[in-house]
Amino acid sequence: MASSSSLLRLRPPLQPPPPPPPHSSSSILRNLHRIPSGYNPNKHILTLKPFLTNALTESSDSPKSLDPTDPKFLLQELADSFNLLPSDYFSQLPSDLRLDLNDAAFDLSNGPVMEQCGQELGMTLLNISRAWESADTSTSKALVNDLPSLVNSLTSNNKSALGKRLTSAGRRFQSMGQYGQGELQRISKAMISAGKLLSSTPVSEETKDESKGETRMFKFGELQVELTREKAYIGAAIGFVYGIISWELSQGIQNIPDGTFQYANENAALIAQSLRGTLLVLFYGSTVLSAFATFGLLFLSRELKSGRK
């Protein structure tokens, strides 16, 4: 007890804690939030305004903020719908859908495409048409992606012609129905939307007069022939002459008497009779077909003539 009391006497009295330095609470808050000294909130708010302005400007220039009524925007949607296709999509289509794809290729590049759409766009449409006919999906993607960059250089007449072709080809895709994951319907929707917008472009009066005198095109495989009234008359004349020749040959064969030729045996006689019958059927059929072709071409020339009036 004596030792403990002596220790208590030797221990210094407890001192009250020193008063906190001035502005200690504010300095603690500054340290907690890591706010530097000399911070001016008004100055920093002003410095954020140019950044926000630039960000809004950049977002307005982005493709997502483009006007949906802009042809370039709709053509980009068409390109995006093609980009979603697998590289072998067209080659995997059934035979009936491949025929519809060939029809779409014909509608896209039918007629004087160079004169109506311009040299560069016309060549692009022809290449797209060939890619569809050969079921080349990768080439189709690359060529369709070129359309948005070409639309700005087109005249109003070129845009109208492109719109009509896209609308016609889009309806071919629409007629294919629901296949796979709906890729064909997505393409048809984008193609028809872009086509209707482009075809609504005002066309000059000179172009309207030229479209009235527009000739028709006949396409068979890779062969593409322009149909005019003069060519229809020439074809009708050729068909008429060929029909007369076929008729004369068939009459000459039929008028040959049976006992004119002598045969070594009965088998040879049977072969000659069958050959004679085959030639008669061939030349009579040629005569009938020539007559139909002649009247058809004359009727077509009449339609072409009335279409130009």
C-alpha atoms as a PDB file:
ATOM      1  CA  MET A   1       0.000   0.000   0.000  1.00  0.00           C
ATOM      2  CA  ALA A   2       2.886   2.355   0.743  1.00  0.00           C
ATOM      3  CA  SER A   3       4.484   1.657  -2.642  1.00  0.00           C
ATOM      4  CA  SER A   4       1.241   2.269  -4.519  1.00  0.00           C
ATOM      5  CA  SER A   5       0.634   5.550  -2.747  1.00  0.00           C
ATOM      6  CA  SER A   6       4.173   6.669  -3.573  1.00  0.00           C
ATOM      7  CA  LEU A   7       3.591   5.954  -7.262  1.00  0.00           C
ATOM      8  CA  LEU A   8       0.459   8.029  -7.225  1.00  0.00           C
ATOM      9  CA  ARG A   9       2.385  10.919  -5.757  1.00  0.00           C
ATOM     10  CA  LEU A  10       5.124  10.690  -8.422  1.00  0.00           C
ATOM     11  CA  ARG A  11       2.608  10.547 -11.411  1.00  0.00           C
ATOM     12  CA  PRO A  12       2.044  14.017 -12.882  1.00  0.00           C
ATOM     13  CA  PRO A  13      -1.478  15.323 -12.928  1.00  0.00           C
ATOM     14  CA  LEU A  14      -3.466  14.829 -16.117  1.00  0.00           C
ATOM     15  CA  GLN A  15      -3.442  17.835 -18.415  1.00  0.00           C
ATOM     16  CA  PRO A  16      -6.460  18.789 -20.512  1.00  0.00           C
ATOM     17  CA  PRO A  17      -6.031  18.230 -24.255  1.00  0.00           C
ATOM     18  CA  PRO A  18      -4.756  21.223 -26.241  1.00  0.00           C
ATOM     19  CA  PRO A  19      -7.396  23.212 -28.059  1.00  0.00           C
ATOM     20  CA  PRO A  20      -7.797  22.333 -31.743  1.00  0.00           C
ATOM     21  CA  PRO A  21      -6.157  24.645 -34.247  1.00  0.00           C
ATOM     22  CA  PRO A  22      -8.384  27.100 -36.031  1.00  0.00           C
ATOM     23  CA  HIS A  23     -10.337  25.823 -39.063  1.00  0.00           C
ATOM     24  CA  SER A  24      -9.424  22.211 -38.169  1.00  0.00           C
ATOM     25  CA  SER A  25     -12.884  20.907 -39.108  1.00  0.00           C
ATOM     26  CA  SER A  26     -12.721  22.446 -42.546  1.00  0.00           C
ATOM     27  CA  SER A  27      -9.193  21.118 -43.094  1.00  0.00           C
ATOM     28  CA  ILE A  28     -10.338  17.638 -42.091  1.00  0.00           C
ATOM     29  CA  LEU A  29     -13.178  17.826 -44.558  1.00  0.00           C
ATOM     30  CA  ARG A  30     -10.824  19.018 -47.237  1.00  0.00           C
ATOM     31  CA  ASN A  31      -8.481  16.122 -46.579  1.00  0.00           C
ATOM     32  CA  LEU A  32     -11.332  13.655 -46.542  1.00  0.00           C
ATOM     33  CA  HIS A  33     -12.602  14.811 -49.938  1.00  0.00           C
ATOM     34  CA  ARG A  34      -9.156  15.663 -51.257  1.00  0.00           C
ATOM     35  CA  ILE A  35     -10.187  19.151 -52.263  1.00  0.00           C
ATOM     36  CA  PRO A  36      -7.118  21.287 -52.937  1.00  0.00           C
ATOM     37  CA  SER A  37      -6.708  24.639 -51.410  1.00  0.00           C
ATOM     38  CA  GLY A  38      -7.761  27.580 -53.503  1.00  0.00           C
ATOM     39  CA  TYR A  39     -10.588  25.623 -55.103  1.00  0.00           C
ATOM     40  CA  ASN A  40     -13.054  27.862 -56.948  1.00  0.00           C
ATOM     41  CA  PRO A  41     -16.258  26.018 -57.896  1.00  0.00           C
ATOM     42  CA  ASN A  42     -17.407  28.759 -60.274  1.00  0.00           C
ATOM     43  CA  LYS A  43     -14.171  28.531 -62.212  1.00  0.00           C
ATOM     44  CA  HIS A  44     -14.429  24.755 -62.612  1.00  0.00           C
ATOM     45  CA  ILE A  45     -18.050  24.919 -63.680  1.00  0.00           C
ATOM     46  CA  LEU A  46     -17.098  27.393 -66.390  1.00  0.00           C
ATOM     47  CA  THR A  47     -14.312  25.147 -67.605  1.00  0.00           C
ATOM     48  CA  LEU A  48     -16.784  22.260 -68.005  1.00  0.00           C
ATOM     49  CA  LYS A  49     -18.988  24.194 -70.410  1.00  0.00           C
ATOM     50  CA  PRO A  50     -16.687  23.893 -73.484  1.00  0.00           C
ATOM     51  CA  PHE A  51     -16.301  20.159 -72.787  1.00  0.00           C
ATOM     52  CA  LEU A  52     -20.063  19.642 -72.646  1.00  0.00           C
ATOM     53  CA  THR A  53     -20.511  21.699 -75.813  1.00  0.00           C
ATOM     54  CA  ASN A  54     -17.938  19.585 -77.677  1.00  0.00           C
ATOM     55  CA  ALA A  55     -19.529  16.382 -76.415  1.00  0.00           C
ATOM     56  CA  LEU A  56     -22.950  17.455 -77.634  1.00  0.00           C
ATOM     57  CA  THR A  57     -21.496  18.459 -80.992  1.00  0.00           C
ATOM     58  CA  GLU A  58     -19.791  15.095 -81.412  1.00  0.00           C
ATOM     59  CA  SER A  59     -22.949  13.212 -80.473  1.00  0.00           C
ATOM     60  CA  SER A  60     -24.960  15.203 -83.014  1.00  0.00           C
ATOM     61  CA  ASP A  61     -22.500  14.177 -85.730  1.00  0.00           C
ATOM     62  CA  SER A  62     -22.715  10.485 -84.831  1.00  0.00           C
ATOM     63  CA  PRO A  63     -24.610   8.137 -87.187  1.00  0.00           C
ATOM     64  CA  LYS A  64     -27.228   7.373 -84.560  1.00  0.00           C
ATOM     65  CA  SER A  65     -28.366  11.004 -84.495  1.00  0.00           C
ATOM     66  CA  LEU A  66     -28.829  11.261 -88.259  1.00  0.00           C
ATOM     67  CA  ASP A  67     -32.223  12.208 -89.601  1.00  0.00           C
ATOM     68  CA  PRO A  68     -34.260   9.059 -90.391  1.00  0.00           C
ATOM     69  CA  THR A  69     -35.537  10.842 -93.501  1.00  0.00           C
ATOM     70  CA  ASP A  70     -31.991  11.190 -94.800  1.00  0.00           C
ATOM     71  CA  PRO A  71     -31.313   8.762 -97.701  1.00  0.00           C
ATOM     72  CA  LYS A  72     -27.797   8.199 -96.423  1.00  0.00           C
ATOM     73  CA  PHE A  73     -29.160   7.023 -93.065  1.00  0.00           C
ATOM     74  CA  LEU A  74     -31.588   4.581 -94.703  1.00  0.00           C
ATOM     75  CA  LEU A  75     -28.921   3.233 -97.038  1.00  0.00           C
ATOM     76  CA  GLN A  76     -26.676   2.698 -94.030  1.00  0.00           C
ATOM     77  CA  GLU A  77     -29.470   0.687 -92.414  1.00  0.00           C
ATOM     78  CA  LEU A  78     -29.620  -1.382 -95.596  1.00  0.00           C
ATOM     79  CA  ALA A  79     -25.858  -1.944 -95.428  1.00  0.00           C
ATOM     80  CA  ASP A  80     -26.142  -2.953 -91.764  1.00  0.00           C
ATOM     81  CA  SER A  81     -28.828  -5.508 -92.611  1.00  0.00           C
ATOM     82  CA  PHE A  82     -26.454  -7.085 -95.140  1.00  0.00           C
ATOM     83  CA  ASN A  83     -23.562  -7.022 -92.656  1.00  0.00           C
ATOM     84  CA  LEU A  84     -25.538  -9.306 -90.331  1.00  0.00           C
ATOM     85  CA  LEU A  85     -25.632 -12.086 -92.939  1.00  0.00           C
ATOM     86  CA  PRO A  86     -23.228 -15.023 -92.685  1.00  0.00           C
ATOM     87  CA  SER A  87     -20.642 -15.246 -95.443  1.00  0.00           C
ATOM     88  CA  ASP A  88     -22.405 -18.229 -97.073  1.00  0.00           C
ATOM     89  CA  TYR A  89     -26.004 -17.096 -96.571  1.00  0.00           C
ATOM     90  CA  PHE A  90     -27.043 -16.708-100.217  1.00  0.00           C
ATOM     91  CA  SER A  91     -25.388 -19.950-101.282  1.00  0.00           C
ATOM     92  CA  GLN A  92     -27.382 -21.827 -98.623  1.00  0.00           C
ATOM     93  CA  LEU A  93     -30.778 -20.567 -99.836  1.00  0.00           C
ATOM     94  CA  PRO A  94     -33.231 -23.099-101.311  1.00  0.00           C
ATOM     95  CA  SER A  95     -33.641 -23.239-105.079  1.00  0.00           C
ATOM     96  CA  ASP A  96     -36.933 -21.328-105.123  1.00  0.00           C
ATOM     97  CA  LEU A  97     -35.463 -18.493-103.053  1.00  0.00           C
ATOM     98  CA  ARG A  98     -32.415 -18.439-105.326  1.00  0.00           C
ATOM     99  CA  LEU A  99     -34.773 -17.812-108.244  1.00  0.00           C
ATOM    100  CA  ASP A 100     -36.335 -14.909-106.328  1.00  0.00           C
ATOM    101  CA  LEU A 101     -32.838 -13.582-105.636  1.00  0.00           C
ATOM    102  CA  ASN A 102     -32.082 -13.688-109.365  1.00  0.00           C
ATOM    103  CA  ASP A 103     -35.302 -11.784-110.024  1.00  0.00           C
ATOM    104  CA  ALA A 104     -34.221  -9.158-107.500  1.00  0.00           C
ATOM    105  CA  ALA A 105     -30.878  -8.889-109.283  1.00  0.00           C
ATOM    106  CA  PHE A 106     -32.694  -8.371-112.585  1.00  0.00           C
ATOM    107  CA  ASP A 107     -34.920  -5.635-111.134  1.00  0.00           C
ATOM    108  CA  LEU A 108     -31.910  -3.867-109.627  1.00  0.00           C
ATOM    109  CA  SER A 109     -29.907  -3.610-112.865  1.00  0.00           C
ATOM    110  CA  ASN A 110     -32.595  -3.845-115.543  1.00  0.00           C
ATOM    111  CA  GLY A 111     -32.540  -1.378-118.412  1.00  0.00           C
ATOM    112  CA  PRO A 112     -30.114   1.501-119.082  1.00  0.00           C
ATOM    113  CA  VAL A 113     -28.758   1.578-115.543  1.00  0.00           C
ATOM    114  CA  MET A 114     -25.676   3.621-116.489  1.00  0.00           C
ATOM    115  CA  GLU A 115     -27.711   6.371-118.098  1.00  0.00           C
ATOM    116  CA  GLN A 116     -30.258   6.575-115.292  1.00  0.00           C
ATOM    117  CA  CYS A 117     -28.042   6.197-112.215  1.00  0.00           C
ATOM    118  CA  GLY A 118     -24.678   7.496-113.377  1.00  0.00           C
ATOM    119  CA  GLN A 119     -21.477   5.703-114.238  1.00  0.00           C
ATOM    120  CA  GLU A 120     -20.191   4.886-110.751  1.00  0.00           C
ATOM    121  CA  LEU A 121     -23.521   3.960-109.173  1.00  0.00           C
ATOM    122  CA  GLY A 122     -24.629   2.077-112.286  1.00  0.00           C
ATOM    123  CA  MET A 123     -21.484  -0.046-112.218  1.00  0.00           C
ATOM    124  CA  THR A 124     -22.013  -0.718-108.505  1.00  0.00           C
ATOM    125  CA  LEU A 125     -25.588  -1.874-109.113  1.00  0.00           C
ATOM    126  CA  LEU A 126     -24.456  -4.138-111.934  1.00  0.00           C
ATOM    127  CA  ASN A 127     -21.807  -5.695-109.695  1.00  0.00           C
ATOM    128  CA  ILE A 128     -24.349  -6.189-106.900  1.00  0.00           C
ATOM    129  CA  SER A 129     -26.663  -7.859-109.394  1.00  0.00           C
ATOM    130  CA  ARG A 130     -23.899 -10.231-110.527  1.00  0.00           C
ATOM    131  CA  ALA A 131     -23.037 -11.015-106.897  1.00  0.00           C
ATOM    132  CA  TRP A 132     -26.652 -11.931-106.175  1.00  0.00           C
ATOM    133  CA  GLU A 133     -26.864 -14.111-109.256  1.00  0.00           C
ATOM    134  CA  SER A 134     -23.714 -15.969-108.218  1.00  0.00           C
ATOM    135  CA  ALA A 135     -24.882 -16.104-104.542  1.00  0.00           C
ATOM    136  CA  ASP A 136     -21.737 -14.270-103.382  1.00  0.00           C
ATOM    137  CA  THR A 137     -22.679 -12.862 -99.974  1.00  0.00           C
ATOM    138  CA  SER A 138     -19.283 -11.341 -99.136  1.00  0.00           C
ATOM    139  CA  THR A 139     -19.118  -9.332-102.357  1.00  0.00           C
ATOM    140  CA  SER A 140     -22.712  -8.208-101.830  1.00  0.00           C
ATOM    141  CA  LYS A 141     -21.833  -6.871 -98.381  1.00  0.00           C
ATOM    142  CA  ALA A 142     -18.865  -4.893 -99.663  1.00  0.00           C
ATOM    143  CA  LEU A 143     -20.785  -3.386-102.580  1.00  0.00           C
ATOM    144  CA  VAL A 144     -23.912  -2.486-100.589  1.00  0.00           C
ATOM    145  CA  ASN A 145     -21.701  -0.743 -98.023  1.00  0.00           C
ATOM    146  CA  ASP A 146     -20.555   1.594-100.813  1.00  0.00           C
ATOM    147  CA  LEU A 147     -24.068   2.933-101.452  1.00  0.00           C
ATOM    148  CA  PRO A 148     -24.232   5.414 -98.509  1.00  0.00           C
ATOM    149  CA  SER A 149     -21.053   7.147 -99.679  1.00  0.00           C
ATOM    150  CA  LEU A 150     -22.323   7.440-103.269  1.00  0.00           C
ATOM    151  CA  VAL A 151     -25.709   9.002-102.555  1.00  0.00           C
ATOM    152  CA  ASN A 152     -24.331  12.500-101.883  1.00  0.00           C
ATOM    153  CA  SER A 153     -22.864  12.748-105.377  1.00  0.00           C
ATOM    154  CA  LEU A 154     -26.111  11.786-107.146  1.00  0.00           C
ATOM    155  CA  THR A 155     -28.432  14.134-108.946  1.00  0.00           C
ATOM    156  CA  SER A 156     -32.146  14.200-108.222  1.00  0.00           C
ATOM    157  CA  ASN A 157     -32.771  12.113-111.343  1.00  0.00           C
ATOM    158  CA  ASN A 158     -30.197   9.537-110.258  1.00  0.00           C
ATOM    159  CA  LYS A 159     -31.766   9.298-106.802  1.00  0.00           C
ATOM    160  CA  SER A 160     -35.225   8.779-108.251  1.00  0.00           C
ATOM    161  CA  ALA A 161     -33.999   6.017-110.565  1.00  0.00           C
ATOM    162  CA  LEU A 162     -32.110   4.332-107.722  1.00  0.00           C
ATOM    163  CA  GLY A 163     -35.208   4.495-105.521  1.00  0.00           C
ATOM    164  CA  LYS A 164     -37.386   2.763-108.096  1.00  0.00           C
ATOM    165  CA  ARG A 165     -34.847  -0.021-108.516  1.00  0.00           C
ATOM    166  CA  LEU A 166     -34.431  -0.511-104.770  1.00  0.00           C
ATOM    167  CA  THR A 167     -38.195  -0.619-104.262  1.00  0.00           C
ATOM    168  CA  SER A 168     -38.658  -3.223-107.001  1.00  0.00           C
ATOM    169  CA  ALA A 169     -35.784  -5.369-105.728  1.00  0.00           C
ATOM    170  CA  GLY A 170     -36.993  -4.998-102.132  1.00  0.00           C
ATOM    171  CA  ARG A 171     -40.383  -6.409-103.078  1.00  0.00           C
ATOM    172  CA  ARG A 172     -38.616  -9.452-104.478  1.00  0.00           C
ATOM    173  CA  PHE A 173     -36.939  -9.963-101.115  1.00  0.00           C
ATOM    174  CA  GLN A 174     -40.294  -9.442 -99.420  1.00  0.00           C
ATOM    175  CA  SER A 175     -41.871 -12.181-101.537  1.00  0.00           C
ATOM    176  CA  MET A 176     -39.288 -14.677-100.241  1.00  0.00           C
ATOM    177  CA  GLY A 177     -41.230 -14.847 -96.971  1.00  0.00           C
ATOM    178  CA  GLN A 178     -39.918 -15.640 -93.517  1.00  0.00           C
ATOM    179  CA  TYR A 179     -36.675 -17.597 -93.788  1.00  0.00           C
ATOM    180  CA  GLY A 180     -34.053 -18.250 -91.140  1.00  0.00           C
ATOM    181  CA  GLN A 181     -33.987 -15.504 -88.503  1.00  0.00           C
ATOM    182  CA  GLY A 182     -35.871 -13.002 -90.638  1.00  0.00           C
ATOM    183  CA  GLU A 183     -32.812 -11.666 -92.438  1.00  0.00           C
ATOM    184  CA  LEU A 184     -34.559 -11.420 -95.808  1.00  0.00           C
ATOM    185  CA  GLN A 185     -37.487  -9.470 -94.369  1.00  0.00           C
ATOM    186  CA  ARG A 186     -35.079  -7.108 -92.613  1.00  0.00           C
ATOM    187  CA  ILE A 187     -33.340  -6.485 -95.932  1.00  0.00           C
ATOM    188  CA  SER A 188     -36.632  -5.974 -97.759  1.00  0.00           C
ATOM    189  CA  LYS A 189     -37.871  -3.484 -95.161  1.00  0.00           C
ATOM    190  CA  ALA A 190     -34.694  -1.412 -95.310  1.00  0.00           C
ATOM    191  CA  MET A 191     -34.557  -1.603 -99.108  1.00  0.00           C
ATOM    192  CA  ILE A 192     -38.181  -0.570 -99.627  1.00  0.00           C
ATOM    193  CA  SER A 193     -37.893   2.278 -97.101  1.00  0.00           C
ATOM    194  CA  ALA A 194     -34.800   3.667 -98.818  1.00  0.00           C
ATOM    195  CA  GLY A 195     -36.324   3.127-102.248  1.00  0.00           C
ATOM    196  CA  LYS A 196     -39.558   4.962-101.445  1.00  0.00           C
ATOM    197  CA  LEU A 197     -37.680   7.910-100.002  1.00  0.00           C
ATOM    198  CA  LEU A 198     -35.321   8.160-102.975  1.00  0.00           C
ATOM    199  CA  SER A 199     -38.047   7.657-105.574  1.00  0.00           C
ATOM    200  CA  SER A 200     -39.973  10.591-104.084  1.00  0.00           C
ATOM    201  CA  THR A 201     -37.168  12.936-105.153  1.00  0.00           C
ATOM    202  CA  PRO A 202     -38.489  15.520-107.655  1.00  0.00           C
ATOM    203  CA  VAL A 203     -37.488  14.747-111.246  1.00  0.00           C
ATOM    204  CA  SER A 204     -36.950  17.321-113.977  1.00  0.00           C
ATOM    205  CA  GLU A 205     -39.353  17.543-116.925  1.00  0.00           C
ATOM    206  CA  GLU A 206     -36.683  16.424-119.404  1.00  0.00           C
ATOM    207  CA  THR A 207     -36.165  13.198-117.500  1.00  0.00           C
ATOM    208  CA  LYS A 208     -39.914  12.555-117.444  1.00  0.00           C
ATOM    209  CA  ASP A 209     -40.034  12.864-121.222  1.00  0.00           C
ATOM    210  CA  GLU A 210     -37.081  10.508-121.559  1.00  0.00           C
ATOM    211  CA  SER A 211     -38.717   7.942-119.282  1.00  0.00           C
ATOM    212  CA  LYS A 212     -41.790   7.912-121.497  1.00  0.00           C
ATOM    213  CA  GLY A 213     -39.637   6.884-124.453  1.00  0.00           C
ATOM    214  CA  GLU A 214     -37.701   4.354-122.410  1.00  0.00           C
ATOM    215  CA  THR A 215     -37.036   1.056-124.158  1.00  0.00           C
ATOM    216  CA  ARG A 216     -37.536  -2.365-122.690  1.00  0.00           C
ATOM    217  CA  MET A 217     -34.811  -4.839-121.897  1.00  0.00           C
ATOM    218  CA  PHE A 218     -34.734  -8.586-122.458  1.00  0.00           C
ATOM    219  CA  LYS A 219     -32.408 -10.549-120.200  1.00  0.00           C
ATOM    220  CA  PHE A 220     -31.618 -14.237-120.487  1.00  0.00           C
ATOM    221  CA  GLY A 221     -28.783 -15.303-118.204  1.00  0.00           C
ATOM    222  CA  GLU A 222     -25.839 -13.037-118.905  1.00  0.00           C
ATOM    223  CA  LEU A 223     -27.384 -11.860-122.183  1.00  0.00           C
ATOM    224  CA  GLN A 224     -29.110  -8.476-121.983  1.00  0.00           C
ATOM    225  CA  VAL A 225     -30.654  -7.008-125.148  1.00  0.00           C
ATOM    226  CA  GLU A 226     -32.371  -3.674-125.550  1.00  0.00           C
ATOM    227  CA  LEU A 227     -35.780  -3.988-127.215  1.00  0.00           C
ATOM    228  CA  THR A 228     -36.668  -1.273-129.705  1.00  0.00           C
ATOM    229  CA  ARG A 229     -39.314  -0.989-132.380  1.00  0.00           C
ATOM    230  CA  GLU A 230     -36.735  -1.383-135.160  1.00  0.00           C
ATOM    231  CA  LYS A 231     -35.295  -4.541-133.625  1.00  0.00           C
ATOM    232  CA  ALA A 232     -38.792  -5.961-133.220  1.00  0.00           C
ATOM    233  CA  TYR A 233     -39.494  -5.404-136.920  1.00  0.00           C
ATOM    234  CA  ILE A 234     -36.191  -7.009-137.891  1.00  0.00           C
ATOM    235  CA  GLY A 235     -36.924 -10.017-135.677  1.00  0.00           C
ATOM    236  CA  ALA A 236     -40.405 -10.376-137.155  1.00  0.00           C
ATOM    237  CA  ALA A 237     -38.959 -10.344-140.682  1.00  0.00           C
ATOM    238  CA  ILE A 238     -36.372 -12.980-139.778  1.00  0.00           C
ATOM    239  CA  GLY A 239     -39.055 -15.152-138.171  1.00  0.00           C
ATOM    240  CA  PHE A 240     -41.264 -14.833-141.258  1.00  0.00           C
ATOM    241  CA  VAL A 241     -38.450 -15.870-143.618  1.00  0.00           C
ATOM    242  CA  TYR A 242     -37.454 -18.771-141.384  1.00  0.00           C
ATOM    243  CA  GLY A 243     -41.087 -19.927-141.271  1.00  0.00           C
ATOM    244  CA  ILE A 244     -41.322 -19.950-145.062  1.00  0.00           C
ATOM    245  CA  ILE A 245     -38.110 -21.961-145.333  1.00  0.00           C
ATOM    246  CA  SER A 246     -39.326 -24.460-142.745  1.00  0.00           C
ATOM    247  CA  TRP A 247     -42.653 -24.803-144.538  1.00  0.00           C
ATOM    248  CA  GLU A 248     -41.013 -25.419-147.931  1.00  0.00           C
ATOM    249  CA  LEU A 249     -38.678 -28.025-146.488  1.00  0.00           C
ATOM    250  CA  SER A 250     -41.511 -29.864-144.780  1.00  0.00           C
ATOM    251  CA  GLN A 251     -43.551 -29.853-148.021  1.00  0.00           C
ATOM    252  CA  GLY A 252     -40.565 -31.148-149.982  1.00  0.00           C
ATOM    253  CA  ILE A 253     -40.022 -34.028-147.571  1.00  0.00           C
ATOM    254  CA  GLN A 254     -43.699 -34.923-147.526  1.00  0.00           C
ATOM    255  CA  ASN A 255     -43.994 -34.951-151.321  1.00  0.00           C
ATOM    256  CA  ILE A 256     -41.232 -37.549-151.768  1.00  0.00           C
ATOM    257  CA  PRO A 257     -42.864 -40.773-153.012  1.00  0.00           C
ATOM    258  CA  ASP A 258     -42.385 -43.877-150.926  1.00  0.00           C
ATOM    259  CA  GLY A 259     -40.923 -45.924-153.785  1.00  0.00           C
ATOM    260  CA  THR A 260     -38.293 -43.398-154.791  1.00  0.00           C
ATOM    261  CA  PHE A 261     -35.479 -45.013-152.819  1.00  0.00           C
ATOM    262  CA  GLN A 262     -34.481 -48.640-152.626  1.00  0.00           C
ATOM    263  CA  TYR A 263     -33.303 -50.071-149.333  1.00  0.00           C
ATOM    264  CA  ALA A 264     -31.099 -53.051-148.606  1.00  0.00           C
ATOM    265  CA  ASN A 265     -33.531 -54.597-146.139  1.00  0.00           C
ATOM    266  CA  GLU A 266     -36.630 -53.873-144.121  1.00  0.00           C
ATOM    267  CA  ASN A 267     -34.670 -52.424-141.183  1.00  0.00           C
ATOM    268  CA  ALA A 268     -33.178 -49.739-143.405  1.00  0.00           C
ATOM    269  CA  ALA A 269     -36.666 -48.927-144.749  1.00  0.00           C
ATOM    270  CA  LEU A 270     -38.016 -48.575-141.207  1.00  0.00           C
ATOM    271  CA  ILE A 271     -35.134 -46.287-140.233  1.00  0.00           C
ATOM    272  CA  ALA A 272     -35.754 -44.088-143.299  1.00  0.00           C
ATOM    273  CA  GLN A 273     -39.478 -43.817-142.525  1.00  0.00           C
ATOM    274  CA  SER A 274     -38.800 -42.857-138.884  1.00  0.00           C
ATOM    275  CA  LEU A 275     -36.260 -40.269-140.016  1.00  0.00           C
ATOM    276  CA  ARG A 276     -38.746 -38.850-142.487  1.00  0.00           C
ATOM    277  CA  GLY A 277     -41.403 -38.555-139.783  1.00  0.00           C
ATOM    278  CA  THR A 278     -38.961 -36.870-137.410  1.00  0.00           C
ATOM    279  CA  LEU A 279     -37.962 -34.274-140.031  1.00  0.00           C
ATOM    280  CA  LEU A 280     -41.598 -33.543-140.830  1.00  0.00           C
ATOM    281  CA  VAL A 281     -42.403 -32.938-137.161  1.00  0.00           C
ATOM    282  CA  LEU A 282     -39.296 -30.751-136.775  1.00  0.00           C
ATOM    283  CA  PHE A 283     -39.969 -28.501-139.767  1.00  0.00           C
ATOM    284  CA  TYR A 284     -43.716 -28.226-139.170  1.00  0.00           C
ATOM    285  CA  GLY A 285     -43.001 -27.288-135.555  1.00  0.00           C
ATOM    286  CA  SER A 286     -40.470 -24.697-136.696  1.00  0.00           C
ATOM    287  CA  THR A 287     -43.058 -23.209-139.018  1.00  0.00           C
ATOM    288  CA  VAL A 288     -45.601 -22.877-136.209  1.00  0.00           C
ATOM    289  CA  LEU A 289     -43.047 -21.362-133.809  1.00  0.00           C
ATOM    290  CA  SER A 290     -41.881 -18.906-136.468  1.00  0.00           C
ATOM    291  CA  ALA A 291     -45.463 -17.777-136.981  1.00  0.00           C
ATOM    292  CA  PHE A 292     -45.959 -17.192-133.256  1.00  0.00           C
ATOM    293  CA  ALA A 293     -42.642 -15.329-132.993  1.00  0.00           C
ATOM    294  CA  THR A 294     -43.498 -13.133-135.981  1.00  0.00           C
ATOM    295  CA  PHE A 295     -46.900 -12.092-134.631  1.00  0.00           C
ATOM    296  CA  GLY A 296     -45.480 -11.610-131.130  1.00  0.00           C
ATOM    297  CA  LEU A 297     -42.725  -9.307-132.345  1.00  0.00           C
ATOM    298  CA  LEU A 298     -45.173  -7.322-134.452  1.00  0.00           C
ATOM    299  CA  PHE A 299     -47.400  -6.873-131.412  1.00  0.00           C
ATOM    300  CA  LEU A 300     -44.385  -5.826-129.308  1.00  0.00           C
ATOM    301  CA  SER A 301     -43.298  -3.263-131.903  1.00  0.00           C
ATOM    302  CA  ARG A 302     -46.795  -1.818-131.818  1.00  0.00           C
ATOM    303  CA  GLU A 303     -46.641  -1.517-128.024  1.00  0.00           C
ATOM    304  CA  LEU A 304     -43.232   0.148-128.177  1.00  0.00           C
ATOM    305  CA  LYS A 305     -44.516   2.588-130.764  1.00  0.00           C
ATOM    306  CA  SER A 306     -47.577   3.499-128.693  1.00  0.00           C
ATOM    307  CA  GLY A 307     -45.444   3.863-125.571  1.00  0.00           C
ATOM    308  CA  ARG A 308     -43.364   6.589-127.192  1.00  0.00           C
ATOM    309  CA  LYS A 309     -46.342   8.714-128.092  1.00  0.00           C
END
